[in-house]
Amino acid sequence: MSKSYDVIVVGSGIAGLSFALKVAEAGKRVAIITKKNSAESNTNYAQGGIAAVTSQTDDVAMHVADTLDAGDGLCDEQAVREILKDGAASIEELARRGVAFTQLDDGSVSLGKEGGHSQRRILHVKDVTGKAIEDALLHGIATSPNIETFEHHFAVELITAEKLRKLGHRVPFEGNRVLGLYALNTHSEAVETFTARSVLLATGGIGQVYQYTTNPFIATGDGIAMACRAGVEVRNMEFIQFHPTAFYSTDSNRFLISEAVRGEGAILRNLKGEAFMERYDARKDLAPRDIVARAIDSEMKQSGARHVWLDTRHIPLKKLHAHFPNIYNYCAKKGIALEKDMIPVVPAAHYLCGGVKTNLNGETSLPGLYACGEVACTGLHGANRLASNSLLEAVVMANRGAGAVADYIASSRLEPLELPNWVDGDVHDSDERVVLLHNWDEVKRTMWDYVGIVRSTKRLQRARTRLQNLNREITDYYWNFKVDESLLELRNMILVASLVVDCALQRKESRGLHCTLDYPQKQAKITNTSVCADHEDGCRP
């Protein structure tokens, strides 16, 4: 027996929660499906803040210009203008929902500055902005009578009319649309069926496909993989933003040192103690992230160093405590006092600028399917995301998408269908589990070694060959054993890693975050890369 809702939201970050609240306030029944606890999301780890024009010394035109410049010619200018003009209203809505942005002593909002921004326009809650937003939204979710949250449920596959027809099921209408999804209850180990008039993907990014990332363990590209297998267009996957300043450690997951620290005057230095950014860009330490990450990568390769330094020693201690308490305390636990010691930093995979292609209402090419947040590609970020534009995009697009979903449900007039149940394979043999661990490590190492900050055609082709071999292994495993969370995550990671490589091989130029030794110049013609599914749909009804 399937569970039926008006809307299913997959993911519980700022995009999914904002969307769910808006749709529920319009009277729709909403299910939120999240594979861990509701608070576990990329949003929860966002330190720097949310970019929006709220000061009289700033204006939207300047924010647009900064965004277009960072995007290196690939931004959709209409999308940039439309999303950024809604910034102030989105900030007001977050404030109404209980987000208390940090204020100065005179009561005005404290505005930070980050790389690529010409003005101070980053609203923040000290250096835990994402957590503050997440907490406020979760409070709204908990008190809404129209929202039901399913924690520890892993969305496996979208169910579409086209898939059901291929499997021999009767569908009482013409054309294709999303009908619901299958989700694995990781506590009961049973795959459950969810029916809905529409589905929103808000599953975040893909950082876990890289060996070193600032993303939490949940960021395995699940929404992009599901959309791709459903035949939805995925765009510009080659544009992986490596955050320049993650705390250097031997851990795979690296603590992020916010760009806002450089916004307050911190200086990058090589191991000789030299401030090196002036050799790479006139904006020095406040250049856009792609430039800073490549500069650090270059310095490390030239010297053989494992990291560079971020120098905060000249910043007043009072300011460090006031603006960056979380970062200060983390470094202190590692034996580093920011007022007298420098921080060892390295780049780490951080943000995906591509994703599931949507319009400015969050609509994908599949009727009834929407995408919002890092999983989506609206055209705002282009070839390189401007710092702190991501949280803004998430809340603006969630609001726009909620309105579009209401219109879609009203116009479609189709009642949810009773969908077929999932059919499990044989119970898995524990002796085979070692395959998953080895393949997981190989995906991450392959992407880090061959599809990193600087690429080449030969490296990309090597990555493609390895990923094709891994895909054959995991496909065989998927169809012959009972699914579990680690299997599903690995399957999705292999697919999205392949999409990154496929898009990177399409782009015969260096632009934004995509830097290739074989094509160091930009092409005169500006194009998007695109991939569409030719994969097993993965449904087992």
Protein backbone atom coordinates (compact mmCIF):
# COMPACT_ATOMS: atom_id res chain seq x y z
CA MET A 1 0.00 0.00 0.00
CA SER A 2 1.54 3.29 -1.07
CA LYS A 3 1.62 6.48 0.98
CA SER A 4 -0.11 9.32 -0.86
CA TYR A 5 0.65 13.07 -0.75
CA ASP A 6 0.19 16.16 -2.86
CA VAL A 7 3.94 16.86 -2.87
CA ILE A 8 7.03 14.87 -1.94
CA VAL A 9 10.17 16.82 -1.01
CA VAL A 10 13.42 14.85 -1.15
CA GLY A 11 16.00 16.52 1.09
CA SER A 12 15.94 18.69 4.20
CA GLY A 13 18.28 21.62 3.56
CA ILE A 14 17.27 25.25 3.09
CA ALA A 15 15.77 24.56 -0.35
CA GLY A 16 13.63 21.58 0.64
CA LEU A 17 12.45 22.99 3.96
CA SER A 18 11.61 26.44 2.53
CA PHE A 19 9.67 24.83 -0.31
CA ALA A 20 7.82 22.44 2.02
CA LEU A 21 6.72 25.28 4.30
CA LYS A 22 5.41 27.41 1.42
CA VAL A 23 3.50 24.50 -0.15
CA ALA A 24 2.07 23.41 3.20
CA GLU A 25 0.94 26.96 3.95
CA ALA A 26 -1.00 26.80 0.67
CA GLY A 27 -2.92 23.81 2.05
CA LYS A 28 -1.07 20.96 0.32
CA ARG A 29 -0.14 17.70 2.06
CA VAL A 30 3.65 17.34 2.03
CA ALA A 31 6.01 14.46 2.74
CA ILE A 32 9.67 15.26 3.43
CA ILE A 33 11.98 12.33 2.75
CA THR A 34 15.49 12.60 4.17
CA LYS A 35 18.05 9.84 4.41
CA LYS A 36 19.48 10.90 7.79
CA ASN A 37 18.17 13.21 10.51
CA SER A 38 16.32 16.27 9.23
CA ALA A 39 19.10 18.63 10.35
CA GLU A 40 21.80 16.76 8.39
CA SER A 41 22.31 18.77 5.19
CA ASN A 42 24.83 20.93 3.38
CA THR A 43 22.91 23.96 4.67
CA ASN A 44 23.76 23.03 8.23
CA TYR A 45 27.48 23.33 7.44
CA ALA A 46 27.30 26.68 5.61
CA GLN A 47 29.37 29.19 7.59
CA GLY A 48 29.77 32.36 5.59
CA GLY A 49 26.25 33.61 5.05
CA ILE A 50 23.68 34.60 2.46
CA ALA A 51 24.33 37.30 -0.15
CA ALA A 52 21.62 39.89 -0.73
CA VAL A 53 21.32 43.60 -1.35
CA THR A 54 20.05 45.15 1.90
CA SER A 55 22.30 48.22 2.25
CA GLN A 56 21.72 51.71 0.85
CA THR A 57 25.33 51.74 -0.38
CA ASP A 58 24.68 48.66 -2.52
CA ASP A 59 22.26 47.89 -5.34
CA VAL A 60 21.07 44.86 -7.29
CA ALA A 61 22.88 45.99 -10.45
CA MET A 62 26.23 45.71 -8.64
CA HIS A 63 25.31 42.28 -7.27
CA VAL A 64 24.34 41.20 -10.79
CA ALA A 65 27.64 42.50 -12.19
CA ASP A 66 29.66 40.65 -9.54
CA THR A 67 27.74 37.42 -10.21
CA LEU A 68 28.20 37.67 -13.98
CA ASP A 69 31.89 38.35 -13.55
CA ALA A 70 32.41 35.34 -11.29
CA GLY A 71 30.37 33.13 -13.64
CA ASP A 72 32.92 33.74 -16.41
CA GLY A 73 30.47 34.33 -19.23
CA LEU A 74 28.27 31.30 -18.66
CA CYS A 75 25.59 32.73 -16.37
CA ASP A 76 22.04 33.05 -17.68
CA GLU A 77 21.69 36.81 -17.26
CA GLN A 78 17.91 36.69 -16.98
CA ALA A 79 18.17 34.08 -14.21
CA VAL A 80 20.76 36.21 -12.40
CA ARG A 81 18.59 39.32 -12.50
CA GLU A 82 15.38 37.53 -11.53
CA ILE A 83 16.89 35.62 -8.60
CA LEU A 84 18.96 38.48 -7.17
CA LYS A 85 16.12 41.01 -7.28
CA ASP A 86 14.16 38.77 -4.89
CA GLY A 87 17.03 38.74 -2.39
CA ALA A 88 15.81 41.34 0.07
CA ALA A 89 12.31 39.85 0.23
CA SER A 90 13.78 36.41 0.91
CA ILE A 91 15.89 37.79 3.76
CA GLU A 92 12.77 39.36 5.28
CA GLU A 93 10.97 36.03 5.06
CA LEU A 94 13.82 34.20 6.79
CA ALA A 95 13.78 36.85 9.53
CA ARG A 96 10.02 36.33 9.96
CA ARG A 97 10.67 32.62 10.35
CA GLY A 98 13.04 33.34 13.22
CA VAL A 99 16.51 33.72 11.71
CA ALA A 100 18.29 36.34 13.84
CA PHE A 101 21.00 37.77 11.60
CA THR A 102 23.99 39.23 13.44
CA GLN A 103 23.72 42.96 14.16
CA LEU A 104 26.24 45.68 14.91
CA ASP A 105 26.25 47.66 18.14
CA ASP A 106 24.05 50.35 16.55
CA GLY A 107 21.36 47.78 15.69
CA SER A 108 22.06 47.63 11.96
CA VAL A 109 22.64 44.29 10.25
CA SER A 110 26.28 43.18 10.13
CA LEU A 111 27.34 42.72 6.51
CA GLY A 112 30.40 40.70 5.58
CA LYS A 113 32.46 40.76 2.39
CA GLU A 114 33.72 37.73 0.49
CA GLY A 115 35.74 37.01 -2.64
CA GLY A 116 34.28 38.43 -5.84
CA HIS A 117 31.90 40.85 -4.10
CA SER A 118 32.43 44.55 -4.69
CA GLN A 119 30.34 45.50 -1.66
CA ARG A 120 29.62 44.25 1.84
CA ARG A 121 26.38 42.29 1.37
CA ILE A 122 26.80 38.97 3.23
CA LEU A 123 24.24 38.59 6.01
CA HIS A 124 25.32 36.06 8.59
CA VAL A 125 24.68 34.60 12.02
CA LYS A 126 28.28 34.76 13.28
CA ASP A 127 29.94 31.84 11.44
CA VAL A 128 27.08 29.35 11.80
CA THR A 129 24.60 30.91 9.37
CA GLY A 130 23.47 27.65 7.80
CA LYS A 131 22.71 26.05 11.15
CA ALA A 132 20.71 29.08 12.28
CA ILE A 133 18.61 28.99 9.11
CA GLU A 134 18.16 25.23 9.34
CA ASP A 135 17.02 25.45 12.98
CA ALA A 136 14.46 28.16 12.20
CA LEU A 137 13.02 26.25 9.24
CA LEU A 138 12.89 22.95 11.14
CA HIS A 139 10.88 24.67 13.87
CA GLY A 140 8.33 25.70 11.23
CA ILE A 141 8.25 22.17 9.82
CA ALA A 142 7.66 20.65 13.26
CA THR A 143 4.64 22.88 13.91
CA SER A 144 2.98 22.46 10.49
CA PRO A 145 -0.08 20.17 10.43
CA ASN A 146 0.34 19.55 6.68
CA ILE A 147 3.90 18.19 6.73
CA GLU A 148 5.00 14.65 7.56
CA THR A 149 8.73 13.97 7.79
CA PHE A 150 10.27 10.59 7.05
CA GLU A 151 13.76 10.50 8.50
CA HIS A 152 16.14 7.66 7.64
CA HIS A 153 14.39 7.10 4.32
CA PHE A 154 16.58 6.90 1.23
CA ALA A 155 14.88 7.90 -2.05
CA VAL A 156 15.79 5.15 -4.52
CA GLU A 157 14.04 5.85 -7.82
CA LEU A 158 11.45 8.18 -9.30
CA ILE A 159 8.35 6.46 -10.63
CA THR A 160 7.16 7.88 -13.96
CA ALA A 161 4.36 7.04 -16.34
CA GLU A 162 6.88 6.11 -19.02
CA LYS A 163 8.67 3.65 -16.74
CA LEU A 164 5.41 1.96 -15.77
CA ARG A 165 4.42 1.53 -19.42
CA LYS A 166 7.79 -0.05 -20.20
CA LEU A 167 7.20 -2.52 -17.38
CA GLY A 168 3.77 -3.45 -18.78
CA HIS A 169 1.55 -1.47 -16.40
CA ARG A 170 -1.54 0.39 -17.58
CA VAL A 171 -1.41 4.18 -17.16
CA PRO A 172 -4.77 6.01 -17.57
CA PHE A 173 -3.46 9.08 -19.41
CA GLU A 174 -1.21 10.07 -22.30
CA GLY A 175 2.31 11.42 -22.00
CA ASN A 176 4.87 11.26 -19.22
CA ARG A 177 4.91 12.69 -15.70
CA VAL A 178 6.31 11.86 -12.31
CA LEU A 179 3.98 9.74 -10.19
CA GLY A 180 5.96 9.25 -6.99
CA LEU A 181 9.02 7.37 -5.84
CA TYR A 182 10.43 4.38 -4.01
CA ALA A 183 12.27 4.98 -0.74
CA LEU A 184 14.27 2.61 1.42
CA ASN A 185 13.40 2.71 5.10
CA THR A 186 16.91 2.19 6.46
CA HIS A 187 15.59 1.05 9.86
CA SER A 188 13.17 -1.63 8.61
CA GLU A 189 15.26 -2.31 5.45
CA ALA A 190 12.04 -2.31 3.41
CA VAL A 191 11.49 -0.28 0.23
CA GLU A 192 8.28 1.76 0.55
CA THR A 193 6.14 3.28 -2.19
CA PHE A 194 5.21 6.99 -2.12
CA THR A 195 2.62 8.46 -4.48
CA ALA A 196 2.39 12.18 -5.24
CA ARG A 197 1.14 14.71 -7.75
CA SER A 198 4.58 16.33 -7.82
CA VAL A 199 8.09 15.76 -6.48
CA LEU A 200 10.79 18.27 -5.53
CA LEU A 201 14.43 17.20 -5.57
CA ALA A 202 16.43 19.18 -2.99
CA THR A 203 19.17 16.66 -2.24
CA GLY A 204 22.20 18.97 -2.36
CA GLY A 205 25.53 18.32 -4.05
CA ILE A 206 28.04 15.62 -4.91
CA GLY A 207 31.10 16.40 -2.75
CA GLN A 208 31.52 12.82 -1.57
CA VAL A 209 32.63 11.67 -5.02
CA TYR A 210 35.96 13.38 -4.18
CA GLN A 211 38.55 12.11 -1.73
CA TYR A 212 38.67 15.47 0.09
CA THR A 213 35.55 17.55 0.55
CA THR A 214 33.93 20.06 2.89
CA ASN A 215 30.56 18.36 2.31
CA PRO A 216 28.93 16.03 4.87
CA PHE A 217 28.70 12.29 4.19
CA ILE A 218 25.18 12.65 2.78
CA ALA A 219 26.36 14.58 -0.34
CA THR A 220 26.40 11.66 -2.78
CA GLY A 221 24.46 13.17 -5.69
CA ASP A 222 21.29 11.13 -5.14
CA GLY A 223 18.82 13.60 -6.68
CA ILE A 224 20.90 14.17 -9.80
CA ALA A 225 21.30 10.42 -10.28
CA MET A 226 17.55 9.80 -9.91
CA ALA A 227 16.69 12.60 -12.32
CA CYS A 228 19.20 11.36 -14.87
CA ARG A 229 17.84 7.82 -14.73
CA ALA A 230 14.37 9.29 -15.29
CA GLY A 231 15.55 10.90 -18.54
CA VAL A 232 15.82 14.48 -17.25
CA GLU A 233 18.52 16.75 -18.68
CA VAL A 234 21.57 17.36 -16.49
CA ARG A 235 23.80 20.32 -17.36
CA ASN A 236 27.32 21.75 -16.73
CA MET A 237 28.48 19.02 -14.34
CA GLU A 238 32.15 19.80 -15.01
CA PHE A 239 31.98 22.95 -12.88
CA ILE A 240 33.03 21.70 -9.45
CA GLN A 241 33.95 24.48 -7.06
CA PHE A 242 36.88 23.64 -4.82
CA HIS A 243 36.79 25.77 -1.70
CA PRO A 244 40.27 27.31 -1.42
CA THR A 245 40.58 27.13 2.35
CA ALA A 246 39.71 23.88 4.07
CA PHE A 247 41.62 23.06 7.23
CA TYR A 248 44.50 20.75 6.30
CA SER A 249 44.26 17.35 7.91
CA THR A 250 44.54 13.72 6.92
CA ASP A 251 40.77 13.30 7.24
CA SER A 252 38.71 12.81 4.08
CA ASN A 253 36.15 15.34 5.28
CA ARG A 254 37.79 18.69 5.91
CA PHE A 255 36.56 21.54 8.07
CA LEU A 256 35.79 24.66 6.06
CA ILE A 257 37.51 27.93 6.91
CA SER A 258 34.96 30.45 5.67
CA GLU A 259 35.81 32.86 2.88
CA ALA A 260 34.53 35.54 5.22
CA VAL A 261 37.80 35.21 7.16
CA ARG A 262 39.63 36.55 4.09
CA GLY A 263 36.87 39.12 3.77
CA GLU A 264 37.95 40.47 7.16
CA GLY A 265 41.59 40.70 6.10
CA ALA A 266 43.19 37.24 6.40
CA ILE A 267 46.11 36.69 4.01
CA LEU A 268 47.19 33.54 2.17
CA ARG A 269 50.91 32.77 2.46
CA ASN A 270 53.09 30.00 1.08
CA LEU A 271 55.38 27.98 3.32
CA LYS A 272 58.09 30.65 2.95
CA GLY A 273 55.68 33.11 4.50
CA GLU A 274 55.17 35.04 1.24
CA ALA A 275 51.78 36.57 0.42
CA PHE A 276 51.36 35.12 -3.07
CA MET A 277 47.87 36.05 -4.33
CA GLU A 278 49.02 39.37 -5.85
CA ARG A 279 50.91 37.27 -8.44
CA TYR A 280 47.67 35.72 -9.63
CA ASP A 281 44.99 38.42 -9.47
CA ALA A 282 44.71 42.15 -8.73
CA ARG A 283 42.02 41.41 -6.14
CA LYS A 284 44.57 39.33 -4.23
CA ASP A 285 42.99 37.25 -1.45
CA LEU A 286 39.48 38.38 -2.42
CA ALA A 287 39.60 37.05 -5.98
CA PRO A 288 36.81 34.58 -6.93
CA ARG A 289 37.18 31.06 -5.61
CA ASP A 290 38.28 29.41 -8.85
CA ILE A 291 41.25 31.78 -9.14
CA VAL A 292 42.24 31.38 -5.48
CA ALA A 293 41.96 27.59 -5.58
CA ARG A 294 44.12 27.34 -8.70
CA ALA A 295 46.67 29.73 -7.17
CA ILE A 296 46.95 27.57 -4.05
CA ASP A 297 47.18 24.44 -6.18
CA SER A 298 49.98 26.06 -8.21
CA GLU A 299 51.91 27.13 -5.09
CA MET A 300 51.66 23.64 -3.61
CA LYS A 301 52.81 21.94 -6.81
CA GLN A 302 55.73 24.32 -7.28
CA SER A 303 57.05 23.75 -3.76
CA GLY A 304 55.82 20.23 -3.08
CA ALA A 305 54.02 21.52 0.00
CA ARG A 306 51.01 19.72 1.43
CA HIS A 307 49.27 22.99 2.33
CA VAL A 308 49.60 26.78 2.45
CA TRP A 309 48.98 29.13 5.37
CA LEU A 310 46.06 31.45 6.12
CA ASP A 311 47.33 34.29 8.29
CA THR A 312 44.86 35.89 10.73
CA ARG A 313 47.44 37.15 13.25
CA HIS A 314 46.94 40.82 12.38
CA ILE A 315 43.14 40.69 12.83
CA PRO A 316 42.03 41.96 16.27
CA LEU A 317 41.25 39.11 18.63
CA LYS A 318 37.93 40.70 19.54
CA LYS A 319 36.85 40.57 15.89
CA LEU A 320 37.95 36.93 15.53
CA HIS A 321 35.92 35.95 18.61
CA ALA A 322 32.89 37.98 17.54
CA HIS A 323 32.74 36.97 13.87
CA PHE A 324 34.20 33.47 13.83
CA PRO A 325 33.61 31.71 17.17
CA ASN A 326 33.04 28.32 15.56
CA ILE A 327 36.22 28.54 13.46
CA TYR A 328 38.22 29.92 16.40
CA ASN A 329 37.13 27.07 18.67
CA TYR A 330 37.79 24.40 16.03
CA CYS A 331 41.32 25.69 15.43
CA ALA A 332 41.94 25.93 19.17
CA LYS A 333 41.07 22.24 19.52
CA LYS A 334 43.70 21.57 16.87
CA GLY A 335 46.29 23.53 18.85
CA ILE A 336 46.13 26.71 16.75
CA ALA A 337 45.43 30.12 18.29
CA LEU A 338 44.33 32.44 15.50
CA GLU A 339 45.85 35.53 17.15
CA LYS A 340 49.37 34.04 17.03
CA ASP A 341 49.34 30.99 14.73
CA MET A 342 48.62 30.57 11.03
CA ILE A 343 46.05 28.05 9.78
CA PRO A 344 47.17 25.24 7.42
CA VAL A 345 44.71 25.22 4.51
CA VAL A 346 44.18 23.32 1.24
CA PRO A 347 41.45 23.30 -1.41
CA ALA A 348 38.67 20.71 -1.11
CA ALA A 349 35.63 19.86 -3.24
CA HIS A 350 32.85 22.13 -2.08
CA TYR A 351 30.02 23.03 -4.47
CA LEU A 352 28.50 21.89 -7.77
CA CYS A 353 27.55 24.71 -10.14
CA GLY A 354 25.80 22.38 -12.61
CA GLY A 355 22.97 19.95 -11.96
CA VAL A 356 19.42 19.17 -13.03
CA LYS A 357 18.37 21.77 -15.58
CA THR A 358 15.39 23.87 -14.44
CA ASN A 359 13.63 27.03 -15.48
CA LEU A 360 13.01 29.95 -13.12
CA ASN A 361 10.06 28.14 -11.54
CA GLY A 362 12.16 25.12 -10.63
CA GLU A 363 10.49 23.00 -13.33
CA THR A 364 12.49 20.23 -15.01
CA SER A 365 11.78 18.65 -18.39
CA LEU A 366 9.68 15.96 -16.66
CA PRO A 367 6.16 17.21 -15.81
CA GLY A 368 5.57 17.27 -12.08
CA LEU A 369 9.28 17.06 -11.22
CA TYR A 370 10.96 20.12 -9.68
CA ALA A 371 14.50 20.74 -8.45
CA CYS A 372 15.89 23.42 -6.17
CA GLY A 373 19.17 24.26 -4.46
CA GLU A 374 22.55 22.73 -5.27
CA VAL A 375 20.95 19.79 -7.09
CA ALA A 376 19.58 22.20 -9.71
CA CYS A 377 21.15 24.26 -12.48
CA THR A 378 19.23 27.51 -12.97
CA GLY A 379 21.99 29.43 -14.75
CA LEU A 380 22.68 31.69 -11.77
CA HIS A 381 26.18 30.39 -11.06
CA GLY A 382 27.48 29.92 -14.58
CA ALA A 383 31.03 28.54 -14.62
CA ASN A 384 31.81 29.59 -11.04
CA ARG A 385 29.53 30.39 -8.10
CA LEU A 386 29.92 33.78 -6.45
CA ALA A 387 30.40 33.26 -2.70
CA SER A 388 27.20 33.06 -0.61
CA ASN A 389 24.86 33.19 -3.62
CA SER A 390 23.84 29.57 -3.02
CA LEU A 391 21.70 30.02 0.09
CA LEU A 392 20.01 32.97 -1.59
CA GLU A 393 19.26 30.94 -4.71
CA ALA A 394 17.84 28.12 -2.60
CA VAL A 395 15.30 30.24 -0.75
CA VAL A 396 14.32 32.36 -3.77
CA MET A 397 13.83 29.33 -6.02
CA ALA A 398 11.97 27.46 -3.28
CA ASN A 399 9.46 30.30 -3.11
CA ARG A 400 9.10 30.48 -6.89
CA GLY A 401 8.83 26.70 -7.19
CA ALA A 402 6.16 26.47 -4.51
CA GLY A 403 3.93 28.78 -6.53
CA ALA A 404 4.55 26.80 -9.71
CA VAL A 405 3.72 23.50 -8.01
CA ALA A 406 0.41 24.86 -6.76
CA ASP A 407 -0.47 25.90 -10.31
CA TYR A 408 0.62 22.52 -11.70
CA ILE A 409 -1.47 20.54 -9.23
CA ALA A 410 -4.52 22.71 -9.95
CA SER A 411 -4.15 22.36 -13.73
CA SER A 412 -3.24 18.65 -13.92
CA ARG A 413 -6.38 17.49 -12.05
CA LEU A 414 -4.99 13.97 -11.82
CA GLU A 415 -5.51 11.97 -8.67
CA PRO A 416 -2.50 10.02 -7.33
CA LEU A 417 -2.37 6.48 -8.71
CA GLU A 418 -1.93 3.26 -6.78
CA LEU A 419 1.59 2.24 -7.79
CA PRO A 420 3.16 -1.23 -7.90
CA ASN A 421 5.28 -2.35 -4.99
CA TRP A 422 9.05 -2.76 -5.14
CA VAL A 423 10.41 -6.26 -5.71
CA ASP A 424 13.59 -7.13 -3.82
CA GLY A 425 16.43 -9.22 -5.18
CA ASP A 426 17.97 -12.06 -3.21
CA VAL A 427 19.24 -11.37 0.29
CA HIS A 428 22.79 -10.12 -0.04
CA ASP A 429 25.77 -12.27 0.86
CA SER A 430 27.92 -10.47 3.44
CA ASP A 431 31.05 -11.90 1.81
CA GLU A 432 30.39 -9.61 -1.18
CA ARG A 433 30.28 -6.41 0.89
CA VAL A 434 33.99 -5.79 0.44
CA VAL A 435 33.22 -4.86 -3.18
CA LEU A 436 31.31 -1.78 -2.03
CA LEU A 437 34.09 -0.51 0.23
CA HIS A 438 36.77 -0.95 -2.43
CA ASN A 439 34.66 0.66 -5.14
CA TRP A 440 33.72 3.57 -2.88
CA ASP A 441 37.41 4.34 -2.29
CA GLU A 442 38.26 3.95 -5.98
CA VAL A 443 35.58 6.44 -7.09
CA LYS A 444 36.87 9.07 -4.66
CA ARG A 445 40.54 8.57 -5.54
CA THR A 446 39.82 8.52 -9.28
CA MET A 447 37.94 11.80 -9.16
CA TRP A 448 40.55 13.49 -6.95
CA ASP A 449 43.51 12.36 -9.05
CA TYR A 450 42.06 12.80 -12.55
CA VAL A 451 39.12 15.24 -12.33
CA GLY A 452 40.47 17.82 -9.88
CA ILE A 453 41.31 21.52 -9.99
CA VAL A 454 43.46 21.17 -13.15
CA ARG A 455 42.56 18.52 -15.74
CA SER A 456 43.71 17.08 -19.05
CA THR A 457 42.02 14.99 -21.71
CA LYS A 458 44.21 12.00 -20.90
CA ARG A 459 43.33 12.21 -17.20
CA LEU A 460 39.63 12.49 -17.98
CA GLN A 461 39.76 9.50 -20.32
CA ARG A 462 41.49 7.46 -17.62
CA ALA A 463 38.75 8.44 -15.19
CA ARG A 464 36.04 7.47 -17.68
CA THR A 465 37.56 4.00 -18.19
CA ARG A 466 37.77 3.35 -14.45
CA LEU A 467 34.23 4.59 -13.84
CA GLN A 468 32.86 2.41 -16.64
CA ASN A 469 34.41 -0.64 -14.98
CA LEU A 470 33.00 0.36 -11.62
CA ASN A 471 29.57 0.92 -13.14
CA ARG A 472 29.50 -2.60 -14.59
CA GLU A 473 30.37 -4.07 -11.20
CA ILE A 474 27.83 -2.07 -9.24
CA THR A 475 25.05 -2.63 -11.80
CA ASP A 476 25.50 -6.37 -11.48
CA TYR A 477 25.48 -6.04 -7.70
CA TYR A 478 22.37 -3.83 -7.72
CA TRP A 479 20.24 -6.24 -9.75
CA ASN A 480 21.27 -9.37 -7.85
CA PHE A 481 21.17 -8.34 -4.19
CA LYS A 482 18.83 -6.65 -1.78
CA VAL A 483 19.43 -2.89 -1.75
CA ASP A 484 20.81 -1.03 1.23
CA GLU A 485 22.02 2.52 1.85
CA SER A 486 25.71 1.98 1.04
CA LEU A 487 24.88 0.21 -2.22
CA LEU A 488 22.47 2.95 -3.29
CA GLU A 489 24.91 5.74 -2.45
CA LEU A 490 27.75 4.09 -4.34
CA ARG A 491 25.53 3.50 -7.36
CA ASN A 492 24.58 7.18 -7.40
CA MET A 493 28.16 8.33 -6.87
CA ILE A 494 29.43 6.32 -9.82
CA LEU A 495 26.73 7.79 -12.06
CA VAL A 496 27.24 11.43 -11.07
CA ALA A 497 31.03 11.04 -11.26
CA SER A 498 30.55 9.75 -14.82
CA LEU A 499 28.37 12.76 -15.63
CA VAL A 500 31.12 15.11 -14.41
CA VAL A 501 33.66 13.38 -16.64
CA ASP A 502 31.32 13.29 -19.66
CA CYS A 503 30.62 17.02 -19.38
CA ALA A 504 34.31 17.82 -18.82
CA LEU A 505 35.26 15.95 -21.99
CA GLN A 506 32.63 17.92 -23.93
CA ARG A 507 34.13 21.27 -22.95
CA LYS A 508 37.08 22.05 -25.24
CA GLU A 509 38.19 25.16 -23.36
CA SER A 510 39.19 26.44 -19.93
CA ARG A 511 36.40 28.48 -18.36
CA GLY A 512 35.61 29.23 -14.74
CA LEU A 513 36.07 26.14 -12.60
CA HIS A 514 36.98 23.93 -15.56
CA CYS A 515 40.71 24.28 -16.23
CA THR A 516 42.26 21.88 -18.74
CA LEU A 517 45.87 21.77 -19.88
CA ASP A 518 44.85 20.73 -23.41
CA TYR A 519 42.55 23.71 -24.02
CA PRO A 520 43.94 26.61 -21.97
CA GLN A 521 41.98 29.32 -23.84
CA LYS A 522 38.30 30.18 -23.83
CA GLN A 523 36.16 29.44 -26.87
CA ALA A 524 34.55 32.43 -28.55
CA LYS A 525 31.19 30.69 -28.56
CA ILE A 526 29.74 30.24 -25.08
CA THR A 527 27.97 26.89 -24.67
CA ASN A 528 26.49 24.68 -21.97
CA THR A 529 27.34 21.01 -21.69
CA SER A 530 24.48 18.57 -21.35
CA VAL A 531 23.92 14.90 -20.65
CA CYS A 532 20.70 12.94 -20.64
CA ALA A 533 20.01 9.46 -19.38
CA ASP A 534 20.75 6.29 -21.24
CA HIS A 535 20.82 4.18 -18.09
CA GLU A 536 18.83 1.40 -16.48
CA ASP A 537 15.88 3.03 -14.71
CA GLY A 538 16.46 0.86 -11.65
CA CYS A 539 12.79 0.26 -10.74
CA ARG A 540 11.99 -3.27 -9.65
CA PRO A 541 8.17 -3.49 -9.47
